[in-house]
Amino acid sequence: MIGVIIIYRQEVRPFSDRQVALLTNFAHQAVIAIENERLLNELRQRTTDLSEALEQQTATSGVLRVISSSSGELAPVFESLLASAKHLCGAEFGIIFLREGDGFRTVALHGATAEYTEARWRAPFVRPAADTGLGRVLETKQVVQIADVQAVAG
């Protein structure tokens, strides 16, 4: 069963066979409409998934193009990779760190404020505290996702 149609009237008397047949027909039409909507939603989701996959492949192609033309220079590769990742994830800011011993060195920034960018390039090495996201990455060597950084920091 997909659903129910309920009708009533103030006067007590049965509905005619014709009226019941009409309601049954409406119920069948409702089922068809529901199934069409489900199929349309599936089609929209598939279209969205394919669009996202194409966008990811295009971004990957762009990064690979930069890698092949970089002649050993990593900065443009990191910049291209970060710009693509930021765009695909709908993020406003991105940073790439490379691990160095007990810390990380900034190698790419994208979308940061001028002040932050200047400060990060002035002091590119970060030795994170254990209770920070970077500290947890350093300790666990696993992906760390923090839903609300302000909630953690506050």
N, C-alpha and C. Protein backbone atom coordinates (compact mmCIF):
# COMPACT_ATOMS: atom_id res chain seq x y z
N MET A 1 0.84 -1.18 0.00
CA MET A 1 0.00 0.00 0.00
C MET A 1 0.88 1.24 0.00
N ILE A 2 0.53 2.17 -0.83
CA ILE A 2 1.27 3.42 -0.95
C ILE A 2 0.61 4.52 -0.16
N GLY A 3 -0.71 4.52 -0.14
CA GLY A 3 -1.41 5.59 0.54
C GLY A 3 -2.89 5.28 0.66
N VAL A 4 -3.63 6.25 1.12
CA VAL A 4 -5.05 6.09 1.37
C VAL A 4 -5.75 7.37 0.93
N ILE A 5 -6.91 7.21 0.30
CA ILE A 5 -7.78 8.35 0.02
C ILE A 5 -9.00 8.20 0.93
N ILE A 6 -9.30 9.21 1.69
CA ILE A 6 -10.48 9.20 2.56
C ILE A 6 -11.39 10.33 2.13
N ILE A 7 -12.64 10.01 1.92
CA ILE A 7 -13.65 11.03 1.68
C ILE A 7 -14.84 10.73 2.59
N TYR A 8 -15.56 11.73 2.93
CA TYR A 8 -16.76 11.51 3.74
C TYR A 8 -17.76 12.60 3.41
N ARG A 9 -18.96 12.36 3.86
CA ARG A 9 -20.01 13.35 3.70
C ARG A 9 -20.89 13.32 4.94
N GLN A 10 -21.61 14.35 5.15
CA GLN A 10 -22.47 14.47 6.33
C GLN A 10 -23.66 13.50 6.27
N GLU A 11 -24.14 13.27 5.10
CA GLU A 11 -25.31 12.40 4.92
C GLU A 11 -24.89 10.93 4.98
N VAL A 12 -25.58 10.14 5.76
CA VAL A 12 -25.24 8.73 5.89
C VAL A 12 -25.90 7.95 4.76
N ARG A 13 -25.09 7.52 3.82
CA ARG A 13 -25.51 6.65 2.73
C ARG A 13 -24.26 6.17 2.01
N PRO A 14 -24.31 4.98 1.45
CA PRO A 14 -23.12 4.45 0.78
C PRO A 14 -22.84 5.19 -0.53
N PHE A 15 -21.58 5.17 -0.90
CA PHE A 15 -21.19 5.73 -2.19
C PHE A 15 -21.60 4.73 -3.27
N SER A 16 -21.94 5.24 -4.42
CA SER A 16 -22.36 4.36 -5.52
C SER A 16 -21.15 3.63 -6.11
N ASP A 17 -21.45 2.56 -6.85
CA ASP A 17 -20.37 1.81 -7.51
C ASP A 17 -19.60 2.72 -8.46
N ARG A 18 -20.29 3.62 -9.10
CA ARG A 18 -19.64 4.57 -10.01
C ARG A 18 -18.69 5.50 -9.25
N GLN A 19 -19.11 5.96 -8.07
CA GLN A 19 -18.26 6.84 -7.26
C GLN A 19 -17.04 6.07 -6.74
N VAL A 20 -17.23 4.83 -6.31
CA VAL A 20 -16.11 4.01 -5.84
C VAL A 20 -15.14 3.76 -6.99
N ALA A 21 -15.68 3.49 -8.18
CA ALA A 21 -14.82 3.27 -9.35
C ALA A 21 -14.04 4.54 -9.68
N LEU A 22 -14.70 5.69 -9.56
CA LEU A 22 -14.03 6.96 -9.81
C LEU A 22 -12.89 7.17 -8.82
N LEU A 23 -13.14 6.91 -7.52
CA LEU A 23 -12.08 7.05 -6.51
C LEU A 23 -10.95 6.06 -6.75
N THR A 24 -11.31 4.85 -7.15
CA THR A 24 -10.28 3.85 -7.46
C THR A 24 -9.41 4.32 -8.62
N ASN A 25 -10.04 4.91 -9.62
CA ASN A 25 -9.31 5.45 -10.76
C ASN A 25 -8.38 6.58 -10.30
N PHE A 26 -8.89 7.46 -9.43
CA PHE A 26 -8.05 8.53 -8.89
C PHE A 26 -6.86 7.96 -8.11
N ALA A 27 -7.12 6.90 -7.36
CA ALA A 27 -6.04 6.26 -6.59
C ALA A 27 -4.97 5.71 -7.53
N HIS A 28 -5.40 5.08 -8.62
CA HIS A 28 -4.44 4.56 -9.60
C HIS A 28 -3.63 5.70 -10.22
N GLN A 29 -4.31 6.80 -10.52
CA GLN A 29 -3.61 7.96 -11.08
C GLN A 29 -2.62 8.55 -10.08
N ALA A 30 -2.99 8.53 -8.80
CA ALA A 30 -2.08 9.03 -7.77
C ALA A 30 -0.83 8.15 -7.70
N VAL A 31 -1.02 6.83 -7.80
CA VAL A 31 0.12 5.90 -7.78
C VAL A 31 1.04 6.18 -8.97
N ILE A 32 0.45 6.39 -10.14
CA ILE A 32 1.25 6.70 -11.33
C ILE A 32 2.02 8.00 -11.12
N ALA A 33 1.36 9.01 -10.56
CA ALA A 33 2.03 10.30 -10.32
C ALA A 33 3.17 10.13 -9.32
N ILE A 34 2.93 9.35 -8.27
CA ILE A 34 3.97 9.12 -7.26
C ILE A 34 5.16 8.40 -7.89
N GLU A 35 4.88 7.38 -8.68
CA GLU A 35 5.97 6.63 -9.33
C GLU A 35 6.73 7.52 -10.31
N ASN A 36 6.01 8.35 -11.07
CA ASN A 36 6.68 9.29 -11.99
C ASN A 36 7.57 10.25 -11.23
N GLU A 37 7.10 10.74 -10.10
CA GLU A 37 7.91 11.66 -9.28
C GLU A 37 9.16 10.96 -8.77
N ARG A 38 9.00 9.70 -8.31
CA ARG A 38 10.16 8.94 -7.83
C ARG A 38 11.17 8.75 -8.95
N LEU A 39 10.70 8.38 -10.13
CA LEU A 39 11.60 8.18 -11.27
C LEU A 39 12.28 9.49 -11.67
N LEU A 40 11.51 10.58 -11.66
CA LEU A 40 12.08 11.88 -12.00
C LEU A 40 13.15 12.29 -10.99
N ASN A 41 12.89 12.04 -9.71
CA ASN A 41 13.89 12.36 -8.68
C ASN A 41 15.15 11.51 -8.86
N GLU A 42 14.96 10.22 -9.19
CA GLU A 42 16.12 9.37 -9.46
C GLU A 42 16.92 9.90 -10.65
N LEU A 43 16.21 10.31 -11.70
CA LEU A 43 16.88 10.85 -12.88
C LEU A 43 17.64 12.13 -12.53
N ARG A 44 17.01 13.00 -11.75
CA ARG A 44 17.69 14.23 -11.33
C ARG A 44 18.93 13.92 -10.51
N GLN A 45 18.82 12.94 -9.60
CA GLN A 45 19.97 12.57 -8.78
C GLN A 45 21.09 12.00 -9.64
N ARG A 46 20.74 11.17 -10.59
CA ARG A 46 21.77 10.62 -11.49
C ARG A 46 22.43 11.72 -12.32
N THR A 47 21.62 12.66 -12.77
CA THR A 47 22.17 13.78 -13.53
C THR A 47 23.12 14.59 -12.66
N THR A 48 22.72 14.84 -11.42
CA THR A 48 23.58 15.57 -10.48
C THR A 48 24.87 14.79 -10.23
N ASP A 49 24.74 13.48 -9.99
CA ASP A 49 25.93 12.65 -9.76
C ASP A 49 26.86 12.67 -10.96
N LEU A 50 26.30 12.57 -12.16
CA LEU A 50 27.13 12.60 -13.37
C LEU A 50 27.79 13.96 -13.55
N SER A 51 27.06 15.02 -13.25
CA SER A 51 27.64 16.37 -13.36
C SER A 51 28.80 16.54 -12.39
N GLU A 52 28.61 16.04 -11.15
CA GLU A 52 29.68 16.12 -10.16
C GLU A 52 30.88 15.29 -10.59
N ALA A 53 30.62 14.10 -11.12
CA ALA A 53 31.72 13.24 -11.59
C ALA A 53 32.47 13.91 -12.73
N LEU A 54 31.74 14.52 -13.65
CA LEU A 54 32.39 15.21 -14.76
C LEU A 54 33.21 16.39 -14.25
N GLU A 55 32.66 17.13 -13.30
CA GLU A 55 33.40 18.27 -12.74
C GLU A 55 34.67 17.79 -12.05
N GLN A 56 34.58 16.66 -11.33
CA GLN A 56 35.77 16.12 -10.67
C GLN A 56 36.79 15.64 -11.69
N GLN A 57 36.34 14.99 -12.75
CA GLN A 57 37.26 14.53 -13.78
C GLN A 57 37.92 15.71 -14.49
N THR A 58 37.15 16.76 -14.73
CA THR A 58 37.70 17.95 -15.37
C THR A 58 38.76 18.58 -14.48
N ALA A 59 38.45 18.67 -13.16
CA ALA A 59 39.42 19.23 -12.22
C ALA A 59 40.68 18.37 -12.15
N THR A 60 40.49 17.06 -12.10
CA THR A 60 41.64 16.15 -12.07
C THR A 60 42.47 16.29 -13.33
N SER A 61 41.81 16.41 -14.46
CA SER A 61 42.52 16.61 -15.73
C SER A 61 43.34 17.89 -15.69
N GLY A 62 42.76 18.95 -15.12
CA GLY A 62 43.49 20.22 -15.01
C GLY A 62 44.72 20.09 -14.14
N VAL A 63 44.58 19.39 -13.02
CA VAL A 63 45.73 19.18 -12.12
C VAL A 63 46.79 18.34 -12.83
N LEU A 64 46.36 17.29 -13.51
CA LEU A 64 47.33 16.44 -14.23
C LEU A 64 48.04 17.23 -15.34
N ARG A 65 47.31 18.14 -15.99
CA ARG A 65 47.92 18.99 -17.02
C ARG A 65 49.01 19.87 -16.40
N VAL A 66 48.72 20.43 -15.23
CA VAL A 66 49.72 21.27 -14.54
C VAL A 66 50.91 20.42 -14.12
N ILE A 67 50.65 19.21 -13.62
CA ILE A 67 51.75 18.32 -13.21
C ILE A 67 52.64 18.00 -14.41
N SER A 68 52.04 17.68 -15.54
CA SER A 68 52.85 17.30 -16.71
C SER A 68 53.65 18.47 -17.26
N SER A 69 53.19 19.69 -17.05
CA SER A 69 53.91 20.84 -17.58
C SER A 69 54.74 21.56 -16.52
N SER A 70 54.81 21.00 -15.31
CA SER A 70 55.46 21.73 -14.22
C SER A 70 56.97 21.63 -14.22
N SER A 71 57.53 20.71 -14.95
CA SER A 71 58.97 20.48 -15.02
C SER A 71 59.62 20.45 -13.64
N GLY A 72 59.00 19.69 -12.74
CA GLY A 72 59.57 19.50 -11.41
C GLY A 72 59.23 20.57 -10.40
N GLU A 73 58.56 21.61 -10.79
CA GLU A 73 58.17 22.71 -9.89
C GLU A 73 56.85 22.33 -9.21
N LEU A 74 56.87 22.20 -7.86
CA LEU A 74 55.68 21.74 -7.15
C LEU A 74 54.69 22.84 -6.82
N ALA A 75 55.13 24.07 -6.69
CA ALA A 75 54.22 25.16 -6.27
C ALA A 75 53.00 25.28 -7.19
N PRO A 76 53.17 25.31 -8.52
CA PRO A 76 51.97 25.40 -9.36
C PRO A 76 51.07 24.19 -9.26
N VAL A 77 51.66 23.02 -9.02
CA VAL A 77 50.86 21.80 -8.86
C VAL A 77 50.00 21.92 -7.60
N PHE A 78 50.63 22.34 -6.50
CA PHE A 78 49.89 22.49 -5.24
C PHE A 78 48.79 23.55 -5.38
N GLU A 79 49.09 24.65 -6.04
CA GLU A 79 48.10 25.72 -6.23
C GLU A 79 46.91 25.22 -7.05
N SER A 80 47.19 24.51 -8.13
CA SER A 80 46.12 23.99 -8.99
C SER A 80 45.29 22.96 -8.24
N LEU A 81 45.94 22.05 -7.54
CA LEU A 81 45.26 21.03 -6.78
C LEU A 81 44.37 21.66 -5.71
N LEU A 82 44.89 22.64 -4.99
CA LEU A 82 44.14 23.28 -3.91
C LEU A 82 42.96 24.08 -4.46
N ALA A 83 43.17 24.79 -5.55
CA ALA A 83 42.07 25.56 -6.16
C ALA A 83 40.95 24.63 -6.60
N SER A 84 41.29 23.50 -7.20
CA SER A 84 40.28 22.54 -7.63
C SER A 84 39.55 21.92 -6.44
N ALA A 85 40.30 21.51 -5.44
CA ALA A 85 39.68 20.90 -4.25
C ALA A 85 38.74 21.89 -3.56
N LYS A 86 39.18 23.12 -3.43
CA LYS A 86 38.38 24.17 -2.79
C LYS A 86 37.08 24.38 -3.55
N HIS A 87 37.18 24.46 -4.87
CA HIS A 87 36.00 24.66 -5.71
C HIS A 87 35.03 23.48 -5.61
N LEU A 88 35.55 22.26 -5.76
CA LEU A 88 34.70 21.07 -5.76
C LEU A 88 34.01 20.85 -4.42
N CYS A 89 34.65 21.28 -3.34
CA CYS A 89 34.06 21.09 -2.01
C CYS A 89 33.24 22.29 -1.56
N GLY A 90 33.20 23.34 -2.38
CA GLY A 90 32.44 24.52 -2.00
C GLY A 90 33.04 25.24 -0.80
N ALA A 91 34.34 25.18 -0.67
CA ALA A 91 35.03 25.81 0.45
C ALA A 91 35.46 27.23 0.08
N GLU A 92 35.65 28.06 1.08
CA GLU A 92 36.09 29.44 0.85
C GLU A 92 37.60 29.58 0.95
N PHE A 93 38.24 28.67 1.65
CA PHE A 93 39.66 28.80 1.95
C PHE A 93 40.28 27.42 1.95
N GLY A 94 41.53 27.34 1.53
CA GLY A 94 42.25 26.08 1.56
C GLY A 94 43.72 26.31 1.81
N ILE A 95 44.35 25.31 2.40
CA ILE A 95 45.79 25.38 2.68
C ILE A 95 46.36 23.98 2.56
N ILE A 96 47.54 23.88 2.01
CA ILE A 96 48.25 22.59 1.96
C ILE A 96 49.50 22.73 2.81
N PHE A 97 49.65 21.77 3.72
CA PHE A 97 50.85 21.67 4.54
C PHE A 97 51.58 20.39 4.16
N LEU A 98 52.88 20.42 4.19
CA LEU A 98 53.70 19.21 4.08
C LEU A 98 54.31 18.93 5.44
N ARG A 99 54.35 17.68 5.81
CA ARG A 99 54.90 17.32 7.11
C ARG A 99 56.41 17.45 7.09
N GLU A 100 56.92 18.06 8.15
CA GLU A 100 58.36 18.16 8.38
C GLU A 100 58.60 17.85 9.84
N GLY A 101 59.10 16.67 10.13
CA GLY A 101 59.40 16.29 11.50
C GLY A 101 58.17 16.33 12.39
N ASP A 102 58.22 17.20 13.41
CA ASP A 102 57.11 17.28 14.36
C ASP A 102 56.14 18.42 14.02
N GLY A 103 56.16 18.83 12.75
CA GLY A 103 55.28 19.92 12.36
C GLY A 103 54.95 19.87 10.88
N PHE A 104 54.44 21.00 10.40
CA PHE A 104 54.02 21.11 9.00
C PHE A 104 54.52 22.41 8.40
N ARG A 105 54.86 22.38 7.11
CA ARG A 105 55.27 23.57 6.38
C ARG A 105 54.19 23.92 5.36
N THR A 106 53.80 25.19 5.33
CA THR A 106 52.82 25.68 4.37
C THR A 106 53.44 25.67 2.99
N VAL A 107 52.72 25.06 2.01
CA VAL A 107 53.22 25.04 0.64
C VAL A 107 52.23 25.64 -0.35
N ALA A 108 50.97 25.83 0.07
CA ALA A 108 49.99 26.46 -0.82
C ALA A 108 48.84 27.02 0.00
N LEU A 109 48.34 28.17 -0.44
CA LEU A 109 47.17 28.82 0.16
C LEU A 109 46.24 29.25 -0.96
N HIS A 110 44.94 29.16 -0.72
CA HIS A 110 43.99 29.61 -1.73
C HIS A 110 42.76 30.16 -1.03
N GLY A 111 42.42 31.40 -1.32
CA GLY A 111 41.20 32.01 -0.78
C GLY A 111 41.36 32.62 0.60
N ALA A 112 42.57 32.65 1.11
CA ALA A 112 42.79 33.23 2.44
C ALA A 112 42.84 34.75 2.35
N THR A 113 42.61 35.39 3.48
CA THR A 113 42.73 36.84 3.52
C THR A 113 44.18 37.22 3.28
N ALA A 114 44.39 38.44 2.85
CA ALA A 114 45.75 38.93 2.61
C ALA A 114 46.58 38.88 3.89
N GLU A 115 45.95 39.22 5.01
CA GLU A 115 46.67 39.23 6.30
C GLU A 115 47.11 37.82 6.68
N TYR A 116 46.20 36.85 6.54
CA TYR A 116 46.55 35.48 6.90
C TYR A 116 47.62 34.94 5.96
N THR A 117 47.46 35.20 4.68
CA THR A 117 48.44 34.73 3.70
C THR A 117 49.82 35.28 4.01
N GLU A 118 49.88 36.57 4.28
CA GLU A 118 51.18 37.20 4.61
C GLU A 118 51.77 36.59 5.88
N ALA A 119 50.95 36.40 6.89
CA ALA A 119 51.44 35.83 8.15
C ALA A 119 51.92 34.39 7.95
N ARG A 120 51.17 33.61 7.17
CA ARG A 120 51.54 32.21 6.96
C ARG A 120 52.83 32.11 6.17
N TRP A 121 53.05 32.96 5.16
CA TRP A 121 54.30 32.91 4.40
C TRP A 121 55.47 33.46 5.20
N ARG A 122 55.18 34.39 6.11
CA ARG A 122 56.23 34.93 6.96
C ARG A 122 56.73 33.86 7.94
N ALA A 123 55.81 33.02 8.43
CA ALA A 123 56.16 31.93 9.35
C ALA A 123 55.48 30.65 8.84
N PRO A 124 56.05 30.03 7.81
CA PRO A 124 55.38 28.92 7.16
C PRO A 124 55.36 27.61 7.96
N PHE A 125 56.24 27.48 8.95
CA PHE A 125 56.30 26.24 9.72
C PHE A 125 55.35 26.32 10.91
N VAL A 126 54.57 25.24 11.09
CA VAL A 126 53.61 25.15 12.19
C VAL A 126 53.92 23.90 13.00
N ARG A 127 54.06 24.07 14.28
CA ARG A 127 54.21 22.94 15.20
C ARG A 127 52.90 22.90 15.99
N PRO A 128 51.96 22.02 15.60
CA PRO A 128 50.63 22.08 16.19
C PRO A 128 50.55 21.51 17.60
N ALA A 129 49.64 22.09 18.40
CA ALA A 129 49.35 21.54 19.72
C ALA A 129 48.57 20.24 19.53
N ALA A 130 48.67 19.35 20.49
CA ALA A 130 48.04 18.03 20.39
C ALA A 130 46.52 18.11 20.29
N ASP A 131 45.91 19.13 20.89
CA ASP A 131 44.45 19.21 20.92
C ASP A 131 43.86 19.95 19.71
N THR A 132 44.66 20.17 18.67
CA THR A 132 44.16 20.82 17.45
C THR A 132 43.94 19.77 16.37
N GLY A 133 43.26 20.18 15.30
CA GLY A 133 43.05 19.27 14.18
C GLY A 133 44.37 18.80 13.58
N LEU A 134 45.29 19.74 13.36
CA LEU A 134 46.61 19.36 12.82
C LEU A 134 47.36 18.45 13.79
N GLY A 135 47.21 18.72 15.08
CA GLY A 135 47.85 17.87 16.09
C GLY A 135 47.32 16.45 16.03
N ARG A 136 46.00 16.33 15.85
CA ARG A 136 45.39 15.00 15.74
C ARG A 136 45.83 14.29 14.48
N VAL A 137 45.97 15.04 13.37
CA VAL A 137 46.46 14.45 12.12
C VAL A 137 47.88 13.93 12.33
N LEU A 138 48.71 14.73 12.96
CA LEU A 138 50.10 14.34 13.22
C LEU A 138 50.16 13.09 14.08
N GLU A 139 49.30 13.02 15.09
CA GLU A 139 49.31 11.88 16.02
C GLU A 139 48.73 10.62 15.39
N THR A 140 47.59 10.74 14.71
CA THR A 140 46.88 9.56 14.21
C THR A 140 47.22 9.18 12.77
N LYS A 141 47.75 10.16 12.02
CA LYS A 141 48.02 9.96 10.59
C LYS A 141 46.75 9.53 9.85
N GLN A 142 45.61 10.08 10.29
CA GLN A 142 44.31 9.80 9.71
C GLN A 142 43.63 11.10 9.32
N VAL A 143 42.62 10.99 8.45
CA VAL A 143 41.80 12.15 8.10
C VAL A 143 41.06 12.61 9.35
N VAL A 144 41.05 13.90 9.59
CA VAL A 144 40.32 14.48 10.70
C VAL A 144 39.34 15.49 10.13
N GLN A 145 38.08 15.33 10.45
CA GLN A 145 37.06 16.26 9.99
C GLN A 145 36.44 16.93 11.21
N ILE A 146 36.44 18.24 11.19
CA ILE A 146 35.87 19.01 12.29
C ILE A 146 34.70 19.79 11.72
N ALA A 147 33.49 19.47 12.17
CA ALA A 147 32.28 20.07 11.61
C ALA A 147 32.22 21.57 11.87
N ASP A 148 32.60 22.00 13.07
CA ASP A 148 32.53 23.42 13.42
C ASP A 148 33.79 23.78 14.21
N VAL A 149 34.75 24.38 13.52
CA VAL A 149 36.03 24.72 14.15
C VAL A 149 35.82 25.70 15.30
N GLN A 150 34.89 26.63 15.15
CA GLN A 150 34.65 27.60 16.21
C GLN A 150 34.13 26.95 17.47
N ALA A 151 33.32 25.91 17.33
CA ALA A 151 32.80 25.21 18.50
C ALA A 151 33.94 24.49 19.25
N VAL A 152 34.90 23.97 18.50
CA VAL A 152 36.03 23.28 19.11
C VAL A 152 36.96 24.29 19.76
N ALA A 153 37.20 25.42 19.09
CA ALA A 153 38.12 26.44 19.59
C ALA A 153 37.52 27.21 20.76
N GLY A 154 36.18 27.30 20.79
CA GLY A 154 35.52 28.12 21.81
C GLY A 154 35.23 27.41 23.03
